[in-house]
Amino acid sequence: MNLDRRTAGLVAAAAVVALLAGLLIGRLLGGGSDDSGASSGPTAAPSSTGAPTAGTGAGNPSLDPSSSEPSASEPGSSEPTGSEPATEPSSGAGGVPAGSRVPLGQLDGATVGSPVTVVAPSGVDEVRWVLDGDFLEKDKKAPFEVPLTTTPGKHQLEARMETSSGRTDVDATFTVSGTSAGSSSPPPAPKGGASVPPQSAALRQVAVSTTEQLRAALAAAKPGDRITMADGTYTGDPGLEAAPDGTREHPIVLAGSRRAVITTGQTDGGAYGLHVTGSYWQLDGFTVRNAKKGIVLDGSVGSLLKDLDVGTIGQEAVHFRSGSAGGAIIDSSVHDTGLKSPQFGEGVYVGSAHSNWSSDAGFTRPYGEDGGAGPDRSDHVLVQGNHIYDTAAEGIDVKEGTTGGKILDNTFDEAGTSGENKGDSWVDVKGNDWLVQGNKGRGTLTDAFQVHNEFSGWGNGNVFRKNVVQGGVPGYVVMVVKGTSGNVVSCDNVASGAAKGRSNVPCSG
């Protein structure tokens, strides 16, 4: 009997130990992954708030995104499913996390991290992206998306999309997170973001020494190519055309010394010296001579003209036309224009007169957007550090319809001398929000700089600063016509060589 009691006691003790062991194992296993869908032991009751319980953290497999998906019971979860191409912006304080893909249509008013990728909607054939006034890139084939790496604060992204049904523009103002609590975000970047397009190392070298080799190299060019012309004459009639597209990261470069000369052999007819219809080209170092027009860019976004000599031209020397936005001409010599047609003999010509926006005026090719429904948006063009001289028409002619360019640190000598078709100044600005600063020179027919209103809504918001007239100007440094608004003539413009003084409007600053 005593043995039976001792045996029963041992059995009971073993049962208690087994029970405690089971509880301990269950507690250890209860916090594990629920991938199997079944619990192997007792688990704690779920929190009614959906917040993680004490003790959870990076070391807990249940919080590792690679081990399990967020529970459907967790409110506020904004993680995309694997089939979603982009993340819809959140209205919460955190917004869209860095590294996300955001639909363009959801970007306006959103808060995002940096970097993010913005995705255009379906049905798009071409997109031009502009961030805070700076052209980023032009996409002509899928994927139609742009990566953005920006500073904290407010920004504006513009997408100009071409579809089978026409042109659609979308402007989205968004905030990049990262400012300190309680502080205000920086204001949006100002318009007028004209700048020098980025340059990069060549991916492939192509050497040419004859016109036919040059023509073939231009036609077959790929992003990252550097086409180098040997010294000599390249006669392009029919004209030479640079039609393929480079990219912002890998532009196509056409280079040569000043002794590499592109020509058509005549100024009174024939082709352009060089016609650039592809985007992201860089023209570096060579000469263009004896052509009806020197270099014409049509629909060429983000192209750079650098250290060129363009002269002895029948009409204009360099023309940014038909939406050639975000380009630049720097450190070049532009001269002896209008030899055949003085009224069209501009040195640098940006945009198109409103009469040329549409084919309704009799032109076979409209240069305005949407087939002539809008202006020629050759916006944000930079003209800097050039020597512009002996031009029959304006040294620089900025047409109505263009916005946000810069004319900086150029030197003018006898530019705008014919007086034909109002060609009587160094610079004539008919666009909006241009900055004209740090230029100098001598000799013109009337005024150094002029602002005109050739079409309703244009000729406004332009700024003139620190320009110097050294002599030979019978009019003003800056003449502003009536009917324009918001133009600023700074008092630091130097009028010692202008017979009528600084301006016909009061100076400021």
Protein backbone atom coordinates (compact mmCIF):
# COMPACT_ATOMS: atom_id res chain seq x y z
CA MET A 1 0.00 0.00 0.00
CA ASN A 2 2.79 2.37 0.89
CA LEU A 3 4.48 1.44 -2.38
CA ASP A 4 1.31 2.24 -4.27
CA ARG A 5 1.14 5.69 -2.65
CA ARG A 6 4.77 6.38 -3.47
CA THR A 7 4.19 5.23 -7.04
CA ALA A 8 1.12 7.43 -7.39
CA GLY A 9 3.09 10.41 -6.05
CA LEU A 10 5.86 9.88 -8.56
CA VAL A 11 3.33 9.61 -11.39
CA ALA A 12 1.65 12.84 -10.28
CA ALA A 13 4.97 14.67 -10.06
CA ALA A 14 5.93 13.48 -13.52
CA ALA A 15 2.62 14.73 -14.85
CA VAL A 16 3.23 18.18 -13.33
CA VAL A 17 6.72 18.32 -14.85
CA ALA A 18 5.33 17.31 -18.23
CA LEU A 19 2.64 19.98 -17.96
CA LEU A 20 5.17 22.68 -17.06
CA ALA A 21 7.46 21.59 -19.88
CA GLY A 22 4.56 21.74 -22.31
CA LEU A 23 3.65 25.24 -21.17
CA LEU A 24 7.27 26.38 -21.48
CA ILE A 25 7.62 24.91 -24.99
CA GLY A 26 4.31 26.43 -26.01
CA ARG A 27 5.37 29.87 -24.75
CA LEU A 28 8.67 29.59 -26.63
CA LEU A 29 6.94 28.55 -29.85
CA GLY A 30 3.99 30.90 -29.53
CA GLY A 31 5.97 33.98 -30.65
CA GLY A 32 7.29 32.28 -33.80
CA SER A 33 6.34 32.74 -37.43
CA ASP A 34 2.72 32.09 -38.38
CA ASP A 35 3.64 31.11 -41.94
CA SER A 36 2.18 27.64 -41.38
CA GLY A 37 -1.16 29.08 -40.40
CA ALA A 38 -1.33 26.97 -37.18
CA SER A 39 -0.10 27.59 -33.65
CA SER A 40 2.10 25.01 -31.98
CA GLY A 41 1.35 26.26 -28.52
CA PRO A 42 -0.53 28.86 -26.49
CA THR A 43 -0.30 32.40 -27.91
CA ALA A 44 -1.01 35.82 -26.46
CA ALA A 45 -4.26 37.50 -27.38
CA PRO A 46 -3.91 39.95 -30.31
CA SER A 47 -3.65 43.63 -29.44
CA SER A 48 -6.84 45.54 -30.15
CA THR A 49 -4.84 48.51 -31.41
CA GLY A 50 -2.73 46.63 -33.94
CA ALA A 51 0.43 48.08 -32.35
CA PRO A 52 3.42 45.79 -31.74
CA THR A 53 3.67 44.40 -28.23
CA ALA A 54 6.59 45.02 -25.94
CA GLY A 55 9.69 43.10 -26.81
CA THR A 56 9.17 43.07 -30.58
CA GLY A 57 11.83 44.52 -32.82
CA ALA A 58 14.18 43.95 -35.69
CA GLY A 59 15.25 40.60 -34.26
CA ASN A 60 11.70 39.22 -34.20
CA PRO A 61 11.00 37.18 -37.35
CA SER A 62 7.35 38.24 -37.29
CA LEU A 63 8.45 41.82 -38.16
CA ASP A 64 10.83 40.77 -40.95
CA PRO A 65 9.19 41.63 -44.31
CA SER A 66 10.98 38.69 -45.90
CA SER A 67 9.34 36.19 -43.55
CA SER A 68 5.68 37.25 -43.64
CA GLU A 69 3.26 39.73 -45.18
CA PRO A 70 1.60 42.38 -42.96
CA SER A 71 -1.48 41.07 -41.24
CA ALA A 72 -4.81 42.10 -42.73
CA SER A 73 -5.89 43.10 -39.22
CA GLU A 74 -3.19 45.78 -39.03
CA PRO A 75 -4.83 49.14 -39.74
CA GLY A 76 -2.92 51.75 -41.72
CA SER A 77 -0.78 49.27 -43.65
CA SER A 78 0.19 50.83 -47.00
CA GLU A 79 2.57 48.19 -48.34
CA PRO A 80 1.87 47.39 -52.02
CA THR A 81 1.09 43.90 -53.19
CA GLY A 82 3.50 42.26 -55.54
CA SER A 83 1.25 42.97 -58.55
CA GLU A 84 1.04 46.74 -58.06
CA PRO A 85 3.36 48.70 -60.41
CA ALA A 86 3.48 51.78 -58.17
CA THR A 87 2.68 52.95 -54.66
CA GLU A 88 -0.27 55.24 -54.08
CA PRO A 89 0.80 58.22 -51.96
CA SER A 90 -0.33 58.13 -48.35
CA SER A 91 -2.04 61.02 -46.64
CA GLY A 92 -0.35 60.09 -43.37
CA ALA A 93 2.58 61.91 -41.83
CA GLY A 94 5.11 59.46 -43.27
CA GLY A 95 3.93 59.67 -46.86
CA VAL A 96 5.47 57.47 -49.54
CA PRO A 97 8.77 55.91 -48.43
CA ALA A 98 11.99 56.44 -50.31
CA GLY A 99 12.60 53.93 -53.07
CA SER A 100 8.93 53.71 -54.05
CA ARG A 101 7.36 53.97 -57.49
CA VAL A 102 4.64 56.63 -57.58
CA PRO A 103 1.97 57.06 -60.28
CA LEU A 104 2.18 60.50 -61.87
CA GLY A 105 -1.54 61.02 -61.32
CA GLN A 106 -1.12 60.51 -57.56
CA LEU A 107 1.91 62.77 -57.09
CA ASP A 108 0.22 66.18 -56.79
CA GLY A 109 -0.12 67.11 -53.12
CA ALA A 110 1.70 64.00 -51.93
CA THR A 111 4.53 63.70 -49.42
CA VAL A 112 7.30 61.38 -50.58
CA GLY A 113 10.74 60.25 -49.56
CA SER A 114 13.81 60.63 -51.75
CA PRO A 115 14.63 59.01 -54.07
CA VAL A 116 11.38 57.98 -55.74
CA THR A 117 10.48 56.97 -59.28
CA VAL A 118 7.50 58.67 -60.94
CA VAL A 119 5.59 56.54 -63.45
CA ALA A 120 3.60 57.99 -66.37
CA PRO A 121 0.18 56.51 -67.18
CA SER A 122 -0.36 53.93 -69.89
CA GLY A 123 -1.00 54.98 -73.48
CA VAL A 124 1.93 57.40 -73.63
CA ASP A 125 4.17 57.63 -76.70
CA GLU A 126 6.63 60.26 -75.43
CA VAL A 127 7.23 62.20 -72.20
CA ARG A 128 9.33 65.27 -71.43
CA TRP A 129 10.06 65.64 -67.73
CA VAL A 130 10.79 69.02 -66.09
CA LEU A 131 11.67 69.35 -62.38
CA ASP A 132 11.59 72.81 -60.77
CA GLY A 133 12.13 74.42 -64.16
CA ASP A 134 15.02 72.18 -65.22
CA PHE A 135 14.56 69.73 -68.05
CA LEU A 136 15.48 66.25 -66.87
CA GLU A 137 15.02 64.02 -69.88
CA LYS A 138 12.83 63.04 -72.80
CA ASP A 139 11.54 59.45 -72.96
CA LYS A 140 10.58 58.21 -76.42
CA LYS A 141 10.15 54.55 -75.49
CA ALA A 142 9.05 52.54 -72.46
CA PRO A 143 9.46 52.56 -69.55
CA PHE A 144 8.00 56.06 -69.28
CA GLU A 145 9.27 56.91 -65.81
CA VAL A 146 11.78 59.21 -64.18
CA PRO A 147 13.85 58.76 -61.00
CA LEU A 148 13.87 61.80 -58.69
CA THR A 149 16.50 62.49 -56.04
CA THR A 150 15.63 65.82 -54.45
CA THR A 151 16.16 67.88 -51.31
CA PRO A 152 13.51 68.18 -48.56
CA GLY A 153 10.76 70.70 -49.25
CA LYS A 154 8.32 71.50 -52.01
CA HIS A 155 9.03 70.72 -55.67
CA GLN A 156 7.17 70.81 -58.97
CA LEU A 157 7.31 68.13 -61.64
CA GLU A 158 5.97 68.82 -65.12
CA ALA A 159 5.27 65.98 -67.54
CA ARG A 160 4.56 66.85 -71.17
CA MET A 161 3.07 63.70 -72.64
CA GLU A 162 2.39 62.85 -76.27
CA THR A 163 -0.33 60.28 -76.90
CA SER A 164 -2.18 59.06 -79.97
CA SER A 165 -4.90 61.63 -79.22
CA GLY A 166 -2.56 64.61 -78.78
CA ARG A 167 -0.62 66.47 -76.10
CA THR A 168 -1.36 66.33 -72.36
CA ASP A 169 0.51 68.35 -69.73
CA VAL A 170 0.47 67.39 -66.04
CA ASP A 171 1.91 69.62 -63.30
CA ALA A 172 2.36 68.05 -59.86
CA THR A 173 3.50 69.90 -56.74
CA PHE A 174 4.78 67.53 -54.05
CA THR A 175 6.73 67.63 -50.80
CA VAL A 176 9.86 65.65 -50.07
CA SER A 177 9.97 64.62 -46.41
CA GLY A 178 12.98 65.27 -44.23
CA THR A 179 12.44 68.77 -42.75
CA SER A 180 12.53 69.10 -38.96
CA ALA A 181 9.29 69.07 -37.01
CA GLY A 182 7.65 72.46 -36.73
CA SER A 183 9.78 74.02 -39.45
CA SER A 184 8.40 75.29 -42.70
CA SER A 185 9.41 73.66 -45.96
CA PRO A 186 11.67 75.59 -48.32
CA PRO A 187 9.80 77.42 -51.07
CA PRO A 188 9.62 75.85 -54.52
CA ALA A 189 12.68 76.38 -56.67
CA PRO A 190 12.27 79.42 -58.91
CA LYS A 191 11.58 79.12 -62.58
CA GLY A 192 14.28 79.93 -65.06
CA GLY A 193 16.37 76.85 -64.37
CA ALA A 194 18.41 77.07 -67.58
CA SER A 195 21.76 75.35 -67.09
CA VAL A 196 24.56 73.56 -68.93
CA PRO A 197 23.46 70.00 -69.78
CA PRO A 198 25.59 67.36 -68.02
CA GLN A 199 28.61 65.86 -69.75
CA SER A 200 29.98 62.33 -69.39
CA ALA A 201 32.74 60.05 -70.61
CA ALA A 202 32.27 58.41 -74.01
CA LEU A 203 31.14 54.80 -74.24
CA ARG A 204 32.36 54.42 -77.82
CA GLN A 205 34.79 56.40 -79.99
CA VAL A 206 34.01 56.95 -83.69
CA ALA A 207 36.59 58.70 -85.90
CA VAL A 208 35.59 60.23 -89.27
CA SER A 209 37.54 62.06 -91.95
CA THR A 210 35.13 62.34 -94.92
CA THR A 211 31.63 63.72 -95.40
CA GLU A 212 30.17 60.28 -96.10
CA GLN A 213 31.78 58.83 -93.00
CA LEU A 214 30.35 61.71 -90.99
CA ARG A 215 26.89 61.25 -92.49
CA ALA A 216 26.95 57.52 -91.69
CA ALA A 217 28.20 58.10 -88.14
CA LEU A 218 25.46 60.65 -87.46
CA ALA A 219 22.77 58.27 -88.73
CA ALA A 220 24.04 55.30 -86.69
CA ALA A 221 24.90 57.18 -83.50
CA LYS A 222 23.94 55.67 -80.15
CA PRO A 223 23.90 57.12 -76.62
CA GLY A 224 27.43 57.58 -75.35
CA ASP A 225 29.07 57.81 -78.79
CA ARG A 226 31.79 60.40 -79.36
CA ILE A 227 32.16 61.17 -83.06
CA THR A 228 35.44 62.99 -83.70
CA MET A 229 36.01 64.82 -86.99
CA ALA A 230 39.53 65.04 -88.36
CA ASP A 231 40.61 68.46 -89.58
CA GLY A 232 39.19 69.17 -93.02
CA THR A 233 36.04 70.31 -94.82
CA TYR A 234 32.74 68.40 -94.62
CA THR A 235 30.38 69.61 -97.34
CA GLY A 236 26.80 68.64 -96.52
CA ASP A 237 24.44 69.26 -99.41
CA PRO A 238 22.07 67.48 -98.97
CA GLY A 239 22.42 68.59 -95.41
CA LEU A 240 23.88 66.74 -92.46
CA GLU A 241 21.33 65.64 -89.86
CA ALA A 242 21.85 64.44 -86.28
CA ALA A 243 18.62 62.49 -85.78
CA PRO A 244 19.20 59.71 -83.19
CA ASP A 245 18.60 60.45 -79.51
CA GLY A 246 21.23 60.37 -76.81
CA THR A 247 20.22 60.29 -73.17
CA ARG A 248 20.76 62.71 -70.31
CA GLU A 249 23.30 60.34 -68.77
CA HIS A 250 24.97 59.46 -72.09
CA PRO A 251 24.67 62.24 -74.68
CA ILE A 252 25.99 61.83 -78.21
CA VAL A 253 29.04 64.03 -78.84
CA LEU A 254 30.13 65.46 -82.20
CA ALA A 255 33.55 67.05 -81.79
CA GLY A 256 36.42 68.49 -83.77
CA SER A 257 38.93 71.31 -83.77
CA ARG A 258 38.20 74.70 -85.30
CA ARG A 259 39.92 73.33 -88.43
CA ALA A 260 37.13 70.78 -88.84
CA VAL A 261 34.66 72.78 -90.95
CA ILE A 262 31.05 71.87 -91.79
CA THR A 263 29.64 73.77 -94.77
CA THR A 264 27.11 73.62 -97.58
CA GLY A 265 29.26 75.85 -99.77
CA GLN A 266 26.65 78.60 -100.19
CA THR A 267 24.82 81.19 -98.10
CA ASP A 268 21.99 82.01 -100.49
CA GLY A 269 20.24 78.64 -100.57
CA GLY A 270 20.68 74.95 -99.97
CA ALA A 271 20.57 73.11 -96.68
CA TYR A 272 21.38 73.97 -93.08
CA GLY A 273 24.97 73.50 -92.02
CA LEU A 274 23.85 71.00 -89.37
CA HIS A 275 20.28 70.00 -88.51
CA VAL A 276 19.88 68.49 -85.03
CA THR A 277 16.56 66.67 -84.57
CA GLY A 278 17.64 64.19 -81.90
CA SER A 279 17.82 65.02 -78.20
CA TYR A 280 20.88 65.10 -75.92
CA TRP A 281 23.55 65.98 -78.46
CA GLN A 282 26.74 67.86 -77.61
CA LEU A 283 28.51 69.78 -80.37
CA ASP A 284 32.04 70.67 -79.36
CA GLY A 285 34.86 72.69 -80.85
CA PHE A 286 34.33 72.74 -84.63
CA THR A 287 33.40 75.38 -87.23
CA VAL A 288 30.29 75.92 -89.36
CA ARG A 289 30.75 78.17 -92.41
CA ASN A 290 28.98 79.23 -95.60
CA ALA A 291 25.45 77.88 -95.15
CA LYS A 292 21.93 79.25 -95.47
CA LYS A 293 21.44 78.65 -91.73
CA GLY A 294 24.21 77.52 -89.42
CA ILE A 295 22.94 75.06 -86.79
CA VAL A 296 19.20 74.46 -86.39
CA LEU A 297 17.81 72.38 -83.53
CA ASP A 298 14.25 71.09 -84.00
CA GLY A 299 12.67 69.23 -81.09
CA SER A 300 16.11 68.65 -79.59
CA VAL A 301 15.88 68.56 -75.79
CA GLY A 302 18.92 68.96 -73.56
CA SER A 303 21.52 69.61 -76.27
CA LEU A 304 24.75 71.55 -75.70
CA LEU A 305 26.71 73.69 -78.19
CA LYS A 306 30.17 74.41 -76.83
CA ASP A 307 33.25 76.26 -78.08
CA LEU A 308 31.97 76.49 -81.67
CA ASP A 309 32.66 79.02 -84.42
CA VAL A 310 29.51 79.65 -86.48
CA GLY A 311 29.77 82.42 -89.05
CA THR A 312 29.43 83.61 -92.66
CA ILE A 313 25.78 82.56 -92.74
CA GLY A 314 22.94 83.62 -95.06
CA GLN A 315 20.32 83.90 -92.29
CA GLU A 316 20.55 82.99 -88.57
CA ALA A 317 23.60 81.24 -87.14
CA VAL A 318 22.04 79.12 -84.35
CA HIS A 319 18.34 78.38 -83.85
CA PHE A 320 16.68 76.53 -80.93
CA ARG A 321 13.28 75.75 -82.45
CA SER A 322 10.21 73.52 -82.25
CA GLY A 323 10.41 72.67 -78.56
CA SER A 324 14.21 72.53 -78.28
CA ALA A 325 14.14 73.05 -74.54
CA GLY A 326 16.79 72.77 -71.86
CA GLY A 327 19.65 73.39 -74.28
CA ALA A 328 22.65 75.70 -74.15
CA ILE A 329 25.20 77.48 -76.30
CA ILE A 330 28.33 78.47 -74.37
CA ASP A 331 31.82 79.82 -75.02
CA SER A 332 31.27 80.12 -78.78
CA SER A 333 31.86 82.69 -81.54
CA VAL A 334 28.77 83.66 -83.54
CA HIS A 335 29.23 86.21 -86.31
CA ASP A 336 28.66 87.51 -89.83
CA THR A 337 25.01 86.57 -90.23
CA GLY A 338 22.24 87.73 -92.55
CA LEU A 339 24.52 87.84 -95.58
CA LYS A 340 21.62 86.79 -97.83
CA SER A 341 18.60 87.89 -95.73
CA PRO A 342 19.52 90.63 -93.21
CA GLN A 343 16.03 90.60 -91.68
CA PHE A 344 16.57 86.95 -90.67
CA GLY A 345 20.21 87.34 -89.67
CA GLU A 346 20.05 86.68 -85.92
CA GLY A 347 23.09 85.37 -84.10
CA VAL A 348 21.19 83.11 -81.68
CA TYR A 349 17.45 82.63 -82.21
CA VAL A 350 15.29 80.99 -79.53
CA GLY A 351 11.74 79.85 -80.32
CA SER A 352 9.47 80.90 -83.17
CA ALA A 353 7.36 83.94 -83.95
CA HIS A 354 3.69 83.28 -83.22
CA SER A 355 2.97 83.43 -86.95
CA ASN A 356 5.09 80.26 -87.28
CA TRP A 357 3.39 78.30 -84.49
CA SER A 358 0.72 76.99 -86.85
CA SER A 359 0.59 75.86 -90.46
CA ASP A 360 -2.54 78.02 -90.81
CA ALA A 361 -0.17 80.87 -91.66
CA GLY A 362 0.97 79.00 -94.76
CA PHE A 363 3.98 77.21 -93.30
CA THR A 364 4.26 73.55 -94.22
CA ARG A 365 5.60 72.64 -90.77
CA PRO A 366 4.21 74.28 -87.63
CA TYR A 367 6.79 74.90 -84.92
CA GLY A 368 4.33 75.30 -82.05
CA GLU A 369 3.24 72.45 -79.81
CA ASP A 370 0.18 70.33 -80.58
CA GLY A 371 0.46 71.01 -84.29
CA GLY A 372 0.21 74.74 -83.79
CA ALA A 373 -2.40 74.88 -81.02
CA GLY A 374 0.22 76.31 -78.67
CA PRO A 375 3.53 78.17 -78.70
CA ASP A 376 7.01 76.96 -79.54
CA ARG A 377 8.13 75.90 -76.06
CA SER A 378 11.88 76.14 -76.53
CA ASP A 379 12.12 76.90 -72.82
CA HIS A 380 15.03 77.13 -70.36
CA VAL A 381 17.73 77.77 -72.95
CA LEU A 382 21.08 79.08 -71.68
CA VAL A 383 23.19 81.48 -73.79
CA GLN A 384 26.42 82.15 -71.88
CA GLY A 385 29.95 83.36 -72.43
CA ASN A 386 29.71 83.81 -76.19
CA HIS A 387 31.21 86.48 -78.47
CA ILE A 388 28.45 87.63 -80.83
CA TYR A 389 29.40 90.16 -83.47
CA ASP A 390 28.55 91.56 -86.88
CA THR A 391 25.00 90.20 -86.95
CA ALA A 392 22.57 91.92 -89.29
CA ALA A 393 19.59 91.19 -87.04
CA GLU A 394 19.62 90.85 -83.24
CA GLY A 395 22.58 89.22 -81.58
CA ILE A 396 20.04 87.16 -79.61
CA ASP A 397 16.34 87.05 -80.49
CA VAL A 398 14.07 85.51 -77.84
CA LYS A 399 10.62 84.82 -79.24
CA GLU A 400 7.20 84.91 -77.64
CA GLY A 401 6.22 81.50 -76.30
CA THR A 402 9.55 80.80 -74.60
CA THR A 403 10.04 80.86 -70.83
CA GLY A 404 12.76 80.79 -68.22
CA GLY A 405 15.98 81.12 -70.21
CA LYS A 406 19.20 82.89 -69.26
CA ILE A 407 21.49 85.22 -71.22
CA LEU A 408 24.69 85.56 -69.20
CA ASP A 409 28.17 87.04 -69.64
CA ASN A 410 28.12 87.45 -73.41
CA THR A 411 30.09 90.06 -75.38
CA PHE A 412 28.41 91.92 -78.26
CA ASP A 413 30.10 93.94 -80.99
CA GLU A 414 28.01 95.54 -83.74
CA ALA A 415 25.07 93.19 -83.24
CA GLY A 416 21.67 94.25 -84.57
CA THR A 417 22.79 96.69 -87.23
CA SER A 418 20.46 96.32 -90.22
CA GLY A 419 17.24 97.63 -88.68
CA GLU A 420 15.24 95.31 -90.92
CA ASN A 421 12.35 93.50 -89.25
CA LYS A 422 13.18 95.32 -85.96
CA GLY A 423 16.71 93.97 -85.98
CA ASP A 424 18.23 96.92 -84.12
CA SER A 425 19.49 95.66 -80.72
CA TRP A 426 21.88 93.23 -79.12
CA VAL A 427 19.03 91.30 -77.50
CA ASP A 428 15.27 91.42 -78.06
CA VAL A 429 13.23 89.57 -75.44
CA LYS A 430 9.61 88.73 -76.27
CA GLY A 431 9.34 85.71 -73.96
CA ASN A 432 8.63 85.51 -70.23
CA ASP A 433 10.83 85.15 -67.13
CA TRP A 434 14.22 85.46 -68.80
CA LEU A 435 17.31 86.56 -66.86
CA VAL A 436 19.71 88.85 -68.78
CA GLN A 437 22.80 89.48 -66.67
CA GLY A 438 26.48 90.35 -66.90
CA ASN A 439 26.60 91.07 -70.62
CA LYS A 440 28.73 93.80 -72.19
CA GLY A 441 29.66 95.31 -75.54
CA ARG A 442 29.48 98.17 -77.96
CA GLY A 443 27.76 99.10 -81.18
CA THR A 444 24.17 98.56 -82.34
CA LEU A 445 21.53 100.49 -84.26
CA THR A 446 19.23 101.53 -81.39
CA ASP A 447 19.17 99.93 -77.90
CA ALA A 448 21.36 97.32 -76.28
CA PHE A 449 18.39 95.35 -74.90
CA GLN A 450 14.70 95.53 -75.75
CA VAL A 451 11.49 93.99 -74.41
CA HIS A 452 8.54 93.67 -76.78
CA ASN A 453 5.00 92.37 -76.50
CA GLU A 454 4.38 90.63 -79.82
CA PHE A 455 1.59 88.37 -78.58
CA SER A 456 -0.87 88.56 -75.70
CA GLY A 457 0.59 87.32 -72.42
CA TRP A 458 4.22 87.50 -73.51
CA GLY A 459 7.10 89.89 -72.86
CA ASN A 460 6.61 89.78 -69.08
CA GLY A 461 8.65 89.09 -65.95
CA ASN A 462 12.11 89.52 -67.46
CA VAL A 463 15.07 90.72 -65.36
CA PHE A 464 18.09 92.78 -66.51
CA ARG A 465 21.08 93.05 -64.16
CA LYS A 466 24.73 94.16 -64.29
CA ASN A 467 24.90 94.69 -68.04
CA VAL A 468 27.48 97.18 -69.34
CA VAL A 469 27.25 99.33 -72.47
CA GLN A 470 30.77 100.43 -73.34
CA GLY A 471 29.82 102.65 -76.28
CA GLY A 472 28.15 102.97 -79.64
CA VAL A 473 24.54 102.63 -78.44
CA PRO A 474 22.37 105.63 -79.44
CA GLY A 475 19.39 104.47 -77.37
CA TYR A 476 18.93 102.91 -73.92
CA VAL A 477 20.64 100.07 -72.17
CA VAL A 478 17.16 98.53 -71.73
CA MET A 479 14.07 99.72 -73.58
CA VAL A 480 10.76 98.26 -72.38
CA VAL A 481 7.64 98.79 -74.49
CA LYS A 482 4.26 99.60 -72.99
CA GLY A 483 1.86 96.73 -72.57
CA THR A 484 4.29 94.44 -70.77
CA SER A 485 4.38 93.76 -67.02
CA GLY A 486 6.72 92.60 -64.29
CA ASN A 487 9.94 93.44 -66.11
CA VAL A 488 12.79 94.54 -63.83
CA VAL A 489 15.66 96.83 -64.84
CA SER A 490 18.22 96.86 -62.05
CA CYS A 491 20.03 100.08 -61.20
CA ASP A 492 23.38 98.28 -61.56
CA ASN A 493 23.13 98.27 -65.36
CA VAL A 494 25.95 100.56 -66.58
CA ALA A 495 24.85 103.19 -69.09
CA SER A 496 28.07 105.11 -69.74
CA GLY A 497 28.00 104.13 -73.42
CA ALA A 498 24.24 104.49 -73.99
CA ALA A 499 23.18 107.93 -75.24
CA LYS A 500 19.68 107.84 -73.69
CA GLY A 501 20.73 106.32 -70.39
CA ARG A 502 19.82 103.23 -68.45
CA SER A 503 16.17 102.72 -69.42
CA ASN A 504 12.85 104.30 -70.31
CA VAL A 505 11.40 102.76 -67.12
CA PRO A 506 12.54 103.37 -63.51
CA CYS A 507 15.33 101.12 -62.25
CA SER A 508 15.12 99.12 -59.04
CA GLY A 509 17.58 97.76 -56.55
